[in-house]
Protein backbone atom coordinates (compact mmCIF):
# COMPACT_ATOMS: atom_id res chain seq x y z
CA MET A 1 32.26 5.57 14.24
CA ARG A 2 30.36 5.47 11.09
CA ARG A 3 31.93 6.26 7.67
CA LEU A 4 31.05 6.70 3.98
CA ILE A 5 33.77 5.34 1.94
CA LEU A 6 33.68 5.51 -1.83
CA LEU A 7 36.06 3.41 -3.87
CA PRO A 8 36.91 3.90 -7.73
CA GLU A 9 37.90 0.33 -8.13
CA ARG A 10 37.52 -2.94 -6.39
CA PRO A 11 40.68 -3.56 -4.54
CA GLY A 12 42.99 -6.22 -6.22
CA THR A 13 46.07 -6.96 -8.11
CA GLY A 14 44.92 -6.97 -11.55
CA SER A 15 46.03 -3.53 -12.42
CA GLY A 16 47.70 -0.47 -10.89
CA TYR A 17 44.60 1.03 -9.94
CA GLN A 18 43.39 -1.96 -8.14
CA LYS A 19 46.66 -2.40 -6.23
CA ALA A 20 46.39 1.40 -5.12
CA VAL A 21 42.67 0.93 -4.15
CA ALA A 22 43.75 -2.31 -2.00
CA ALA A 23 46.44 -0.02 -0.19
CA ASP A 24 44.17 2.68 0.38
CA LEU A 25 41.63 0.16 1.87
CA GLU A 26 44.14 -1.35 4.11
CA ARG A 27 45.20 2.02 5.41
CA ILE A 28 41.48 3.13 5.99
CA CYS A 29 40.66 -0.24 7.51
CA PRO A 30 37.03 -0.34 7.42
CA THR A 31 34.59 -1.82 9.98
CA SER A 32 31.06 -3.39 10.19
CA ALA A 33 29.85 0.19 10.94
CA ASP A 34 31.07 1.67 7.83
CA THR A 35 29.27 1.75 4.32
CA VAL A 36 31.82 1.09 1.50
CA ILE A 37 30.64 1.59 -2.17
CA CYS A 38 32.74 0.51 -4.85
CA TYR A 39 32.42 1.81 -8.48
CA ALA A 40 33.49 -1.53 -10.42
CA THR A 41 33.26 -2.06 -14.09
CA SER A 42 29.71 -4.33 -14.75
CA GLN A 43 31.74 -7.11 -15.58
CA ASP A 44 33.36 -6.94 -12.21
CA CYS A 45 29.91 -6.56 -10.45
CA GLN A 46 28.75 -9.82 -12.20
CA LYS A 47 31.72 -11.61 -10.95
CA ASP A 48 31.22 -10.77 -7.19
CA THR A 49 29.65 -13.66 -5.09
CA GLY A 50 29.10 -11.58 -2.11
CA THR A 51 31.12 -9.08 -0.40
CA ARG A 52 31.08 -6.27 2.10
CA PHE A 53 31.05 -3.90 -0.60
CA VAL A 54 28.07 -2.06 -2.13
CA LEU A 55 29.11 -2.42 -6.06
CA LEU A 56 28.12 0.12 -8.30
CA PRO A 57 28.24 -0.75 -12.08
CA ARG A 58 30.60 1.67 -13.75
CA PRO A 59 29.19 2.39 -17.35
CA SER A 60 31.43 1.53 -20.17
CA ALA A 61 33.32 3.94 -22.37
CA PHE A 62 30.54 4.04 -25.03
CA THR A 63 27.33 4.32 -22.67
CA PRO A 64 25.17 7.64 -23.04
CA SER A 65 25.71 8.69 -19.35
CA ARG A 66 29.36 9.28 -20.29
CA ALA A 67 28.54 11.19 -23.40
CA VAL A 68 25.99 13.37 -21.11
CA ASN A 69 29.00 13.94 -18.85
CA LEU A 70 31.09 15.09 -21.53
CA LEU A 71 28.55 17.32 -23.35
CA SER A 72 28.04 19.05 -19.85
CA GLY A 73 31.76 19.40 -19.33
CA LYS A 74 32.45 16.95 -16.65
CA VAL A 75 34.79 14.09 -16.57
CA SER A 76 33.12 11.07 -18.43
CA SER A 77 33.26 8.68 -15.46
CA GLU A 78 31.83 10.99 -12.94
CA LEU A 79 28.37 9.79 -11.33
CA SER A 80 25.32 11.71 -10.40
CA ALA A 81 24.09 12.32 -6.78
CA SER A 82 21.11 9.92 -7.28
CA TRP A 83 23.42 6.89 -7.93
CA ILE A 84 24.60 6.72 -4.40
CA ALA A 85 21.68 8.84 -2.62
CA GLY A 86 20.07 5.46 -1.45
CA PHE A 87 22.89 4.14 0.24
CA ALA A 88 24.38 7.51 1.42
CA THR A 89 21.66 9.77 2.71
CA GLY A 90 19.37 9.38 5.85
CA LYS A 91 22.48 8.70 7.98
CA VAL A 92 24.93 10.29 10.16
CA TRP A 93 28.60 10.17 9.09
CA ASP A 94 31.39 10.61 11.21
CA GLU A 95 33.92 10.87 8.11
CA ILE A 96 33.31 10.82 4.24
CA ILE A 97 36.13 9.46 2.46
CA CYS A 98 35.88 10.31 -1.23
CA GLY A 99 38.30 7.59 -2.73
CA GLU A 100 38.73 9.43 -6.18
CA VAL A 101 37.83 13.05 -7.52
CA ILE A 102 35.08 11.85 -9.78
CA PHE A 103 32.99 11.24 -6.55
CA TYR A 104 33.65 14.78 -5.38
CA ARG A 105 30.45 16.64 -7.01
CA ALA A 106 28.11 14.05 -6.17
CA LEU A 107 28.86 14.07 -2.38
CA ARG A 108 29.19 17.81 -2.29
CA GLN A 109 25.43 18.05 -3.44
CA LEU A 110 24.56 15.36 -0.90
CA PHE A 111 26.32 16.80 1.75
CA PRO A 112 26.85 20.37 1.12
CA GLY A 113 28.20 21.40 4.57
CA GLU A 114 30.27 18.47 5.54
CA LYS A 115 34.08 17.87 5.69
CA ILE A 116 35.35 15.40 2.79
CA LEU A 117 38.43 13.75 2.74
CA VAL A 118 39.13 13.52 -1.13
CA ARG A 119 41.84 11.15 -2.73
CA PHE A 120 43.76 12.02 -5.67
CA HIS A 121 45.21 9.16 -7.38
CA ASN A 122 46.83 11.54 -9.88
CA LEU A 123 47.12 15.47 -9.71
CA PHE A 124 46.53 16.40 -13.54
CA MET A 125 47.25 19.87 -12.85
CA VAL A 126 51.05 18.94 -12.42
CA SER A 127 50.63 17.00 -16.03
CA GLN A 128 48.89 20.38 -17.52
CA THR A 129 51.51 22.64 -16.24
CA ARG A 130 54.32 20.51 -17.55
CA ASN A 131 52.84 19.80 -21.06
CA ARG A 132 52.39 23.72 -21.47
CA VAL A 133 55.99 23.92 -21.14
CA LEU A 134 57.13 21.08 -23.08
CA GLY A 135 54.71 21.27 -25.98
CA TYR A 136 53.87 17.92 -26.50
CA GLN A 137 51.01 17.60 -29.08
CA LEU A 138 48.68 15.16 -27.36
CA PRO A 139 45.70 13.69 -29.13
CA LEU A 140 42.28 15.21 -28.77
CA MET A 141 40.87 13.09 -26.14
CA ALA A 142 43.86 13.07 -23.69
CA ARG A 143 43.77 16.87 -23.82
CA LEU A 144 39.97 16.88 -23.43
CA ASN A 145 40.25 14.40 -20.35
CA ILE A 146 43.27 16.49 -18.91
CA THR A 147 41.14 20.03 -19.03
CA LEU A 148 38.20 18.19 -17.63
CA LEU A 149 40.11 16.78 -14.71
CA VAL A 150 41.94 19.83 -14.13
CA ARG A 151 38.69 21.92 -14.00
CA LEU A 152 37.37 19.35 -11.23
CA GLU A 153 40.76 19.52 -9.28
CA LYS A 154 40.54 23.40 -9.10
CA GLU A 155 36.82 22.97 -7.75
CA ILE A 156 37.90 20.53 -5.00
CA LEU A 157 41.07 22.45 -4.00
CA ARG A 158 39.34 25.71 -3.68
CA ASP A 159 36.93 23.90 -1.34
CA ARG A 160 37.93 24.50 2.06
CA LYS A 161 36.27 21.95 3.78
CA VAL A 162 38.10 19.26 1.61
CA LEU A 163 40.98 17.51 3.10
CA PRO A 164 43.05 16.24 -0.07
CA VAL A 165 45.06 13.13 0.35
CA PHE A 166 47.82 12.79 -2.33
CA ILE A 167 49.83 9.85 -3.65
CA THR A 168 53.25 11.11 -3.90
CA GLU A 169 54.97 14.01 -1.77
CA GLU A 170 55.55 15.34 -5.25
CA GLU A 171 52.24 16.33 -5.84
CA CYS A 172 51.63 17.33 -2.31
CA ASN A 173 54.33 19.95 -2.51
CA PHE A 174 52.65 21.32 -5.74
CA PHE A 175 49.54 21.73 -3.76
CA HIS A 176 51.15 23.51 -1.04
CA MET A 177 52.70 26.01 -3.54
CA LEU A 178 49.13 26.96 -4.03
CA TYR A 179 47.92 26.72 -0.73
CA PRO A 180 50.90 27.20 1.86
CA GLY A 181 48.80 27.35 5.00
CA ARG A 182 46.35 24.22 3.93
CA ALA A 183 46.49 20.82 5.86
CA ALA A 184 47.12 18.12 3.01
CA LEU A 185 47.97 14.32 3.75
CA VAL A 186 50.12 11.79 1.61
CA TRP A 187 49.04 8.36 1.54
CA PRO A 188 51.92 6.29 -0.34
CA VAL A 189 50.79 3.19 -2.42
CA VAL A 190 54.61 1.85 -2.19
CA GLU A 191 56.36 2.05 1.17
CA ALA A 192 60.25 3.13 0.98
CA ALA A 193 61.22 -0.06 2.30
CA ALA A 194 59.76 -1.80 -0.63
CA VAL A 195 62.19 0.14 -3.14
CA SER A 196 65.29 0.05 -1.18
CA LYS A 197 66.86 -3.02 -2.44
CA LEU A 198 68.14 -1.99 -6.08
CA VAL A 199 69.48 -5.45 -6.83
CA VAL A 200 69.03 -6.00 -10.61
CA SER A 201 69.72 -9.64 -11.26
CA ILE A 202 68.13 -10.20 -14.77
CA VAL A 203 70.36 -9.72 -17.89
CA PRO A 204 69.02 -9.22 -21.28
CA ASP A 205 69.91 -12.06 -23.67
CA SER A 206 69.46 -9.83 -27.05
CA GLN A 207 68.72 -6.27 -27.90
CA ARG A 208 65.04 -6.14 -26.74
CA LEU A 209 63.17 -3.63 -25.35
CA VAL A 210 59.60 -4.19 -23.72
CA TRP A 211 56.56 -1.97 -23.22
CA PHE A 212 54.17 -3.46 -20.64
CA GLY A 213 51.37 -1.97 -19.57
CA SER A 214 48.29 -0.34 -20.42
CA LEU A 215 47.67 1.97 -23.52
CA SER A 216 45.23 4.97 -22.16
CA HIS A 217 45.24 8.01 -24.19
CA HIS A 218 48.27 9.77 -22.95
CA LYS A 219 50.11 6.38 -22.49
CA LYS A 220 49.77 5.44 -26.05
CA TYR A 221 51.05 8.93 -26.95
CA ALA A 222 54.30 8.42 -25.06
CA LEU A 223 54.79 5.21 -26.70
CA GLU A 224 54.27 6.51 -30.15
CA TYR A 225 56.72 9.68 -29.16
CA PHE A 226 59.18 6.76 -28.30
CA ILE A 227 58.90 5.04 -31.44
CA ALA A 228 59.19 8.15 -33.60
CA LYS A 229 61.84 9.99 -31.57
CA VAL A 230 63.82 7.07 -29.91
CA TYR A 231 63.48 3.86 -31.39
CA THR A 232 63.12 4.39 -35.03
CA PRO A 233 66.46 6.57 -35.34
CA LEU A 234 68.36 4.12 -32.97
CA LYS A 235 67.25 1.05 -35.07
CA LEU A 236 69.11 2.55 -38.05
CA GLN A 237 72.38 2.18 -35.44
CA MET A 238 71.55 -1.12 -33.96
CA PRO A 239 69.55 -3.42 -36.65
CA SER A 240 69.24 -6.12 -34.28
CA LEU A 241 67.06 -3.95 -31.77
CA GLN A 242 63.63 -5.05 -31.06
CA LEU A 243 60.76 -3.53 -29.48
CA HIS A 244 58.00 -5.62 -28.03
CA VAL A 245 54.69 -4.35 -26.79
CA PHE A 246 52.22 -5.97 -24.56
CA GLY A 247 48.81 -4.65 -23.17
CA SER A 248 45.50 -4.61 -24.13
CA GLY A 249 45.21 -3.08 -27.74
CA SER A 250 48.80 -3.46 -28.38
CA GLU A 251 48.21 -5.58 -31.58
CA ARG A 252 47.84 -2.05 -33.45
CA PHE A 253 51.78 -1.54 -32.99
CA ASN A 254 52.70 -4.66 -34.61
CA ARG A 255 55.18 -3.62 -37.42
CA PRO A 256 57.70 -6.81 -38.23
CA LEU A 257 59.53 -4.96 -40.85
CA ALA A 258 60.54 -2.38 -38.12
CA GLY A 259 61.21 -4.98 -35.49
CA ILE A 260 58.15 -3.91 -33.59
CA SER A 261 55.91 -6.72 -31.97
CA GLY A 262 52.63 -6.12 -30.78
CA HIS A 263 51.31 -9.10 -28.77
CA GLY A 264 48.29 -8.03 -27.20
CA TYR A 265 47.22 -8.47 -23.39
CA TYR A 266 49.93 -10.55 -21.52
CA SER A 267 48.15 -13.62 -19.86
CA GLY A 268 51.67 -15.51 -19.19
CA GLU A 269 53.13 -15.89 -15.61
CA GLY A 270 55.69 -13.45 -14.26
CA PHE A 271 57.15 -10.86 -17.13
CA PRO A 272 57.59 -11.41 -20.65
CA PHE A 273 60.83 -13.19 -21.96
CA GLY A 274 61.28 -13.97 -18.37
CA GLY A 275 62.39 -10.23 -17.80
CA LYS A 276 65.25 -10.73 -19.98
CA ALA A 277 64.81 -7.41 -21.79
CA LEU A 278 65.35 -3.81 -21.07
CA PHE A 279 61.71 -2.74 -19.98
CA ILE A 280 60.66 0.87 -20.74
CA ASN A 281 58.79 3.64 -19.03
CA PRO A 282 58.86 6.95 -21.52
CA ASP A 283 56.37 8.94 -19.35
CA LEU A 284 56.38 12.43 -20.58
CA LEU A 285 54.64 14.35 -17.97
CA GLY A 286 54.15 12.10 -14.86
CA GLY A 287 51.45 12.22 -12.48
CA GLY A 288 50.23 9.96 -9.50
CA ILE A 289 52.62 6.69 -9.33
CA LYS A 290 53.78 4.25 -11.67
CA LEU A 291 53.40 0.71 -9.66
CA LYS A 292 54.98 -1.18 -12.31
CA ILE A 293 58.38 0.43 -11.04
CA ASP A 294 57.79 -1.20 -7.94
CA ALA A 295 57.30 -4.44 -9.27
CA TRP A 296 60.28 -4.11 -11.48
CA LEU A 297 62.43 -3.35 -8.56
CA LYS A 298 60.96 -6.24 -6.65
CA ASN A 299 61.85 -8.66 -9.49
CA GLY A 300 65.20 -7.51 -10.61
CA ILE A 301 64.12 -6.06 -14.12
CA PRO A 302 66.29 -3.84 -15.51
CA PHE A 303 64.29 -0.43 -17.17
CA ILE A 304 64.83 2.72 -18.49
CA SER A 305 62.48 5.55 -17.31
CA THR A 306 62.17 9.27 -17.38
CA PRO A 307 62.51 11.17 -14.09
CA TYR A 308 58.51 11.80 -14.32
CA GLY A 309 58.17 8.21 -14.62
CA VAL A 310 59.83 7.36 -11.12
CA GLU A 311 58.03 10.11 -9.02
CA GLY A 312 56.95 8.55 -5.81
CA TYR A 313 60.26 6.63 -5.44
CA LYS A 314 63.55 7.62 -4.08
CA ILE A 315 65.83 5.67 -6.27
CA SER A 316 69.20 6.52 -8.31
CA GLU A 317 70.68 5.28 -11.30
CA SER A 318 72.67 2.00 -11.59
CA SER A 319 74.25 0.02 -14.35
CA SER A 320 70.72 -1.58 -14.92
CA ILE A 321 68.30 1.13 -13.64
CA LEU A 322 68.40 4.02 -16.12
CA ILE A 323 66.77 7.36 -15.29
CA ARG A 324 67.17 9.88 -18.18
CA ASP A 325 65.26 12.72 -19.90
CA ILE A 326 63.41 11.35 -23.16
CA ASP A 327 66.12 13.04 -25.46
CA GLU A 328 69.10 11.21 -23.81
CA TRP A 329 67.35 7.85 -24.13
CA ALA A 330 68.85 6.96 -27.63
CA ASP A 331 72.38 7.22 -26.21
CA ALA A 332 71.57 5.64 -22.95
CA ILE A 333 70.18 2.71 -24.45
CA SER A 334 72.90 2.20 -27.02
CA VAL A 335 75.68 2.45 -24.29
CA TYR A 336 73.34 -0.12 -22.12
CA PHE A 337 73.36 -2.76 -24.93
CA CYS A 338 76.66 -2.21 -26.65
CA GLY A 339 78.34 -2.55 -23.23
CA ARG A 340 76.79 -6.17 -22.85
CA GLN A 341 78.33 -7.23 -26.32
């Protein structure tokens, strides 16, 4: 059996995306007969010393090809068919695995009549629908990104020769509300057994909140929303409350007078402060699965999350795992810390 497999990132443990790709690759289990194309950052490609992957450099955010894509109404990270034609054409493939939606248009152009398995790491149609109801004022780039991704998702899902593969049951169920009779798969990244032990062993040693993760457009907005709607009013009631932000670019949140510290990218071992804090996941719209939840569960980290932020997991609240709507966070955080005084 010969398969063409496209991956949107190098498998690894450096980010949630790399972990998800690694889980997919383990499930696919490629053989020497397969061709695996990995669309990684240029830096990653330079670091490679020889693997079984064909490594394609992913352009940085400010390259002309990304701008051209946006001007053409495409997702900025999409690649053209010419990028992969030399590796993909001229052969007969028994299966084509499109590891992310950004490869779909290129593959469909090269293989107009073939069946394609398409992996959805997020279903942005869900996020867009929720935001239309909830009315969050997302920044321009986040709105544009969601709009273009949803346009692409609709094109893919209308294609009857596509077998969609979702990352959570929730997103698969959303698809089946649109297409009740269509086949679809779910490839979970976190197995149920990995989140079955809800034993939180770490206790904060102060009134400390921690954001620990990336700050892409919609996540940055979620953090800003949390600071404005939850943290700032709560700080007036709890003067000892602190917020520590870790992640690339988090220095911009540094406001010492407000008790907010932006630390930048975390390069230490384990978790900041040894996990002795209440970690926050103010996910406003959901989409995909948050692998940091799995890491927090496995390491006994206390946290608070919106219900959207724990989709893909089967967990319930406990004294140190708080799952509340964002408008209930202030009370929940106050009770959590005051109960430990």
